[in-house]
Amino acid sequence: MLKNWKDLIKDEEGMGTVEVILIIVVLVGLVLIFKEQITKIVNSIFNKITKQTEKI
């Protein structure tokens, strides 16, 4: 079992900085492309929440 922990600590595989930056760039791009749709969905959700809280 101790060998497994040593292997885990020495394991250098994983996501690097470049991969993380690329993921962030893609996510920001998607947000910019679908900004209007995202805004409409969020506003719709908040309107429903507001209407339902008024009933309580």
PDB file of N, CA and C in Angstrom:
ATOM      1  N   MET A   1       0.837  -1.194   0.000  1.00  0.00           N
ATOM      2  CA  MET A   1       0.000   0.000   0.000  1.00  0.00           C
ATOM      3  C   MET A   1       0.880   1.255   0.000  1.00  0.00           C
ATOM      4  N   LEU A   2       1.985   1.206   0.698  1.00  0.00           N
ATOM      5  CA  LEU A   2       2.897   2.346   0.742  1.00  0.00           C
ATOM      6  C   LEU A   2       3.472   2.635  -0.639  1.00  0.00           C
ATOM      7  N   LYS A   3       3.681   1.594  -1.412  1.00  0.00           N
ATOM      8  CA  LYS A   3       4.207   1.760  -2.768  1.00  0.00           C
ATOM      9  C   LYS A   3       3.214   2.541  -3.633  1.00  0.00           C
ATOM     10  N   ASN A   4       1.932   2.289  -3.451  1.00  0.00           N
ATOM     11  CA  ASN A   4       0.906   3.007  -4.204  1.00  0.00           C
ATOM     12  C   ASN A   4       0.948   4.504  -3.904  1.00  0.00           C
ATOM     13  N   TRP A   5       1.151   4.855  -2.651  1.00  0.00           N
ATOM     14  CA  TRP A   5       1.226   6.265  -2.270  1.00  0.00           C
ATOM     15  C   TRP A   5       2.453   6.925  -2.891  1.00  0.00           C
ATOM     16  N   LYS A   6       3.561   6.219  -2.905  1.00  0.00           N
ATOM     17  CA  LYS A   6       4.781   6.762  -3.510  1.00  0.00           C
ATOM     18  C   LYS A   6       4.582   6.967  -5.004  1.00  0.00           C
ATOM     19  N   ASP A   7       3.939   6.007  -5.645  1.00  0.00           N
ATOM     20  CA  ASP A   7       3.655   6.142  -7.073  1.00  0.00           C
ATOM     21  C   ASP A   7       2.728   7.330  -7.338  1.00  0.00           C
ATOM     22  N   LEU A   8       1.761   7.515  -6.473  1.00  0.00           N
ATOM     23  CA  LEU A   8       0.816   8.612  -6.632  1.00  0.00           C
ATOM     24  C   LEU A   8       1.524   9.957  -6.494  1.00  0.00           C
ATOM     25  N   ILE A   9       2.425  10.057  -5.553  1.00  0.00           N
ATOM     26  CA  ILE A   9       3.151  11.306  -5.337  1.00  0.00           C
ATOM     27  C   ILE A   9       4.091  11.593  -6.506  1.00  0.00           C
ATOM     28  N   LYS A  10       4.725  10.553  -7.034  1.00  0.00           N
ATOM     29  CA  LYS A  10       5.672  10.731  -8.130  1.00  0.00           C
ATOM     30  C   LYS A  10       4.993  10.880  -9.490  1.00  0.00           C
ATOM     31  N   ASP A  11       3.710  10.591  -9.566  1.00  0.00           N
ATOM     32  CA  ASP A  11       2.979  10.650 -10.831  1.00  0.00           C
ATOM     33  C   ASP A  11       2.932  12.092 -11.330  1.00  0.00           C
ATOM     34  N   GLU A  12       3.460  12.314 -12.517  1.00  0.00           N
ATOM     35  CA  GLU A  12       3.497  13.659 -13.073  1.00  0.00           C
ATOM     36  C   GLU A  12       2.487  13.844 -14.192  1.00  0.00           C
ATOM     37  N   GLU A  13       1.646  12.872 -14.410  1.00  0.00           N
ATOM     38  CA  GLU A  13       0.613  13.010 -15.420  1.00  0.00           C
ATOM     39  C   GLU A  13      -0.490  13.901 -14.894  1.00  0.00           C
ATOM     40  N   GLY A  14      -1.168  14.528 -15.779  1.00  0.00           N
ATOM     41  CA  GLY A  14      -2.266  15.392 -15.386  1.00  0.00           C
ATOM     42  C   GLY A  14      -2.374  16.549 -16.349  1.00  0.00           C
ATOM     43  N   MET A  15      -3.244  17.459 -16.021  1.00  0.00           N
ATOM     44  CA  MET A  15      -3.454  18.591 -16.907  1.00  0.00           C
ATOM     45  C   MET A  15      -2.380  19.639 -16.663  1.00  0.00           C
ATOM     46  N   GLY A  16      -1.819  20.116 -17.744  1.00  0.00           N
ATOM     47  CA  GLY A  16      -0.826  21.158 -17.662  1.00  0.00           C
ATOM     48  C   GLY A  16      -1.453  22.528 -17.785  1.00  0.00           C
ATOM     49  N   THR A  17      -0.640  23.534 -17.670  1.00  0.00           N
ATOM     50  CA  THR A  17      -1.118  24.905 -17.737  1.00  0.00           C
ATOM     51  C   THR A  17      -1.737  25.218 -19.095  1.00  0.00           C
ATOM     52  N   VAL A  18      -1.119  24.721 -20.146  1.00  0.00           N
ATOM     53  CA  VAL A  18      -1.635  25.006 -21.490  1.00  0.00           C
ATOM     54  C   VAL A  18      -3.032  24.445 -21.666  1.00  0.00           C
ATOM     55  N   GLU A  19      -3.265  23.250 -21.190  1.00  0.00           N
ATOM     56  CA  GLU A  19      -4.594  22.640 -21.313  1.00  0.00           C
ATOM     57  C   GLU A  19      -5.637  23.432 -20.542  1.00  0.00           C
ATOM     58  N   VAL A  20      -5.282  23.875 -19.340  1.00  0.00           N
ATOM     59  CA  VAL A  20      -6.230  24.648 -18.529  1.00  0.00           C
ATOM     60  C   VAL A  20      -6.547  25.970 -19.217  1.00  0.00           C
ATOM     61  N   ILE A  21      -5.537  26.637 -19.758  1.00  0.00           N
ATOM     62  CA  ILE A  21      -5.759  27.905 -20.452  1.00  0.00           C
ATOM     63  C   ILE A  21      -6.643  27.695 -21.679  1.00  0.00           C
ATOM     64  N   LEU A  22      -6.420  26.623 -22.429  1.00  0.00           N
ATOM     65  CA  LEU A  22      -7.255  26.345 -23.600  1.00  0.00           C
ATOM     66  C   LEU A  22      -8.711  26.101 -23.215  1.00  0.00           C
ATOM     67  N   ILE A  23      -8.923  25.383 -22.134  1.00  0.00           N
ATOM     68  CA  ILE A  23     -10.291  25.142 -21.662  1.00  0.00           C
ATOM     69  C   ILE A  23     -10.960  26.453 -21.283  1.00  0.00           C
ATOM     70  N   ILE A  24     -10.238  27.314 -20.588  1.00  0.00           N
ATOM     71  CA  ILE A  24     -10.801  28.608 -20.187  1.00  0.00           C
ATOM     72  C   ILE A  24     -11.128  29.454 -21.415  1.00  0.00           C
ATOM     73  N   VAL A  25     -10.240  29.470 -22.402  1.00  0.00           N
ATOM     74  CA  VAL A  25     -10.481  30.245 -23.625  1.00  0.00           C
ATOM     75  C   VAL A  25     -11.727  29.733 -24.350  1.00  0.00           C
ATOM     76  N   VAL A  26     -11.886  28.432 -24.435  1.00  0.00           N
ATOM     77  CA  VAL A  26     -13.057  27.861 -25.097  1.00  0.00           C
ATOM     78  C   VAL A  26     -14.334  28.229 -24.338  1.00  0.00           C
ATOM     79  N   LEU A  27     -14.299  28.140 -23.015  1.00  0.00           N
ATOM     80  CA  LEU A  27     -15.481  28.485 -22.222  1.00  0.00           C
ATOM     81  C   LEU A  27     -15.850  29.957 -22.369  1.00  0.00           C
ATOM     82  N   VAL A  28     -14.847  30.830 -22.335  1.00  0.00           N
ATOM     83  CA  VAL A  28     -15.122  32.261 -22.511  1.00  0.00           C
ATOM     84  C   VAL A  28     -15.691  32.515 -23.906  1.00  0.00           C
ATOM     85  N   GLY A  29     -15.146  31.848 -24.910  1.00  0.00           N
ATOM     86  CA  GLY A  29     -15.673  31.986 -26.262  1.00  0.00           C
ATOM     87  C   GLY A  29     -17.125  31.560 -26.362  1.00  0.00           C
ATOM     88  N   LEU A  30     -17.463  30.446 -25.733  1.00  0.00           N
ATOM     89  CA  LEU A  30     -18.851  29.979 -25.756  1.00  0.00           C
ATOM     90  C   LEU A  30     -19.783  30.957 -25.055  1.00  0.00           C
ATOM     91  N   VAL A  31     -19.323  31.519 -23.958  1.00  0.00           N
ATOM     92  CA  VAL A  31     -20.142  32.502 -23.236  1.00  0.00           C
ATOM     93  C   VAL A  31     -20.375  33.732 -24.112  1.00  0.00           C
ATOM     94  N   LEU A  32     -19.334  34.185 -24.794  1.00  0.00           N
ATOM     95  CA  LEU A  32     -19.495  35.360 -25.662  1.00  0.00           C
ATOM     96  C   LEU A  32     -20.432  35.073 -26.835  1.00  0.00           C
ATOM     97  N   ILE A  33     -20.345  33.883 -27.392  1.00  0.00           N
ATOM     98  CA  ILE A  33     -21.196  33.527 -28.530  1.00  0.00           C
ATOM     99  C   ILE A  33     -22.661  33.418 -28.108  1.00  0.00           C
ATOM    100  N   PHE A  34     -22.905  32.798 -26.956  1.00  0.00           N
ATOM    101  CA  PHE A  34     -24.279  32.537 -26.509  1.00  0.00           C
ATOM    102  C   PHE A  34     -24.717  33.478 -25.399  1.00  0.00           C
ATOM    103  N   LYS A  35     -24.154  34.677 -25.357  1.00  0.00           N
ATOM    104  CA  LYS A  35     -24.438  35.633 -24.277  1.00  0.00           C
ATOM    105  C   LYS A  35     -25.932  35.961 -24.177  1.00  0.00           C
ATOM    106  N   GLU A  36     -26.557  36.249 -25.301  1.00  0.00           N
ATOM    107  CA  GLU A  36     -27.972  36.627 -25.274  1.00  0.00           C
ATOM    108  C   GLU A  36     -28.847  35.480 -24.777  1.00  0.00           C
ATOM    109  N   GLN A  37     -28.591  34.273 -25.261  1.00  0.00           N
ATOM    110  CA  GLN A  37     -29.392  33.127 -24.839  1.00  0.00           C
ATOM    111  C   GLN A  37     -29.200  32.844 -23.354  1.00  0.00           C
ATOM    112  N   ILE A  38     -27.964  32.943 -22.883  1.00  0.00           N
ATOM    113  CA  ILE A  38     -27.687  32.710 -21.460  1.00  0.00           C
ATOM    114  C   ILE A  38     -28.401  33.758 -20.612  1.00  0.00           C
ATOM    115  N   THR A  39     -28.367  35.013 -21.050  1.00  0.00           N
ATOM    116  CA  THR A  39     -29.036  36.093 -20.312  1.00  0.00           C
ATOM    117  C   THR A  39     -30.537  35.853 -20.244  1.00  0.00           C
ATOM    118  N   LYS A  40     -31.138  35.433 -21.353  1.00  0.00           N
ATOM    119  CA  LYS A  40     -32.582  35.162 -21.364  1.00  0.00           C
ATOM    120  C   LYS A  40     -32.937  34.026 -20.405  1.00  0.00           C
ATOM    121  N   ILE A  41     -32.135  32.967 -20.413  1.00  0.00           N
ATOM    122  CA  ILE A  41     -32.410  31.823 -19.542  1.00  0.00           C
ATOM    123  C   ILE A  41     -32.296  32.220 -18.083  1.00  0.00           C
ATOM    124  N   VAL A  42     -31.237  32.954 -17.738  1.00  0.00           N
ATOM    125  CA  VAL A  42     -31.033  33.367 -16.346  1.00  0.00           C
ATOM    126  C   VAL A  42     -32.153  34.294 -15.897  1.00  0.00           C
ATOM    127  N   ASN A  43     -32.537  35.244 -16.746  1.00  0.00           N
ATOM    128  CA  ASN A  43     -33.643  36.145 -16.391  1.00  0.00           C
ATOM    129  C   ASN A  43     -34.943  35.376 -16.216  1.00  0.00           C
ATOM    130  N   SER A  44     -35.189  34.398 -17.068  1.00  0.00           N
ATOM    131  CA  SER A  44     -36.398  33.588 -16.957  1.00  0.00           C
ATOM    132  C   SER A  44     -36.423  32.820 -15.637  1.00  0.00           C
ATOM    133  N   ILE A  45     -35.285  32.259 -15.278  1.00  0.00           N
ATOM    134  CA  ILE A  45     -35.196  31.502 -14.020  1.00  0.00           C
ATOM    135  C   ILE A  45     -35.454  32.410 -12.828  1.00  0.00           C
ATOM    136  N   PHE A  46     -34.843  33.608 -12.824  1.00  0.00           N
ATOM    137  CA  PHE A  46     -35.048  34.528 -11.703  1.00  0.00           C
ATOM    138  C   PHE A  46     -36.486  35.024 -11.644  1.00  0.00           C
ATOM    139  N   ASN A  47     -37.114  35.227 -12.802  1.00  0.00           N
ATOM    140  CA  ASN A  47     -38.522  35.635 -12.800  1.00  0.00           C
ATOM    141  C   ASN A  47     -39.403  34.545 -12.198  1.00  0.00           C
ATOM    142  N   LYS A  48     -39.146  33.286 -12.542  1.00  0.00           N
ATOM    143  CA  LYS A  48     -39.919  32.183 -11.975  1.00  0.00           C
ATOM    144  C   LYS A  48     -39.710  32.085 -10.475  1.00  0.00           C
ATOM    145  N   ILE A  49     -38.482  32.248 -10.037  1.00  0.00           N
ATOM    146  CA  ILE A  49     -38.186  32.199  -8.599  1.00  0.00           C
ATOM    147  C   ILE A  49     -38.931  33.315  -7.875  1.00  0.00           C
ATOM    148  N   THR A  50     -38.908  34.517  -8.449  1.00  0.00           N
ATOM    149  CA  THR A  50     -39.578  35.653  -7.829  1.00  0.00           C
ATOM    150  C   THR A  50     -41.083  35.428  -7.748  1.00  0.00           C
ATOM    151  N   LYS A  51     -41.679  34.924  -8.821  1.00  0.00           N
ATOM    152  CA  LYS A  51     -43.128  34.662  -8.816  1.00  0.00           C
ATOM    153  C   LYS A  51     -43.494  33.597  -7.784  1.00  0.00           C
ATOM    154  N   GLN A  52     -42.680  32.562  -7.681  1.00  0.00           N
ATOM    155  CA  GLN A  52     -42.999  31.487  -6.731  1.00  0.00           C
ATOM    156  C   GLN A  52     -42.782  31.921  -5.281  1.00  0.00           C
ATOM    157  N   THR A  53     -41.828  32.806  -5.042  1.00  0.00           N
ATOM    158  CA  THR A  53     -41.623  33.270  -3.659  1.00  0.00           C
ATOM    159  C   THR A  53     -42.735  34.212  -3.233  1.00  0.00           C
ATOM    160  N   GLU A  54     -43.351  34.890  -4.191  1.00  0.00           N
ATOM    161  CA  GLU A  54     -44.473  35.764  -3.839  1.00  0.00           C
ATOM    162  C   GLU A  54     -45.679  34.956  -3.387  1.00  0.00           C
ATOM    163  N   LYS A  55     -45.800  33.721  -3.869  1.00  0.00           N
ATOM    164  CA  LYS A  55     -46.916  32.858  -3.484  1.00  0.00           C
ATOM    165  C   LYS A  55     -46.791  32.393  -2.042  1.00  0.00           C
ATOM    166  N   ILE A  56     -45.564  32.334  -1.561  1.00  0.00           N
ATOM    167  CA  ILE A  56     -45.325  31.800  -0.201  1.00  0.00           C
ATOM    168  C   ILE A  56     -45.630  32.806   0.811  1.00  0.00           C
TER     169      ILE A  56
END
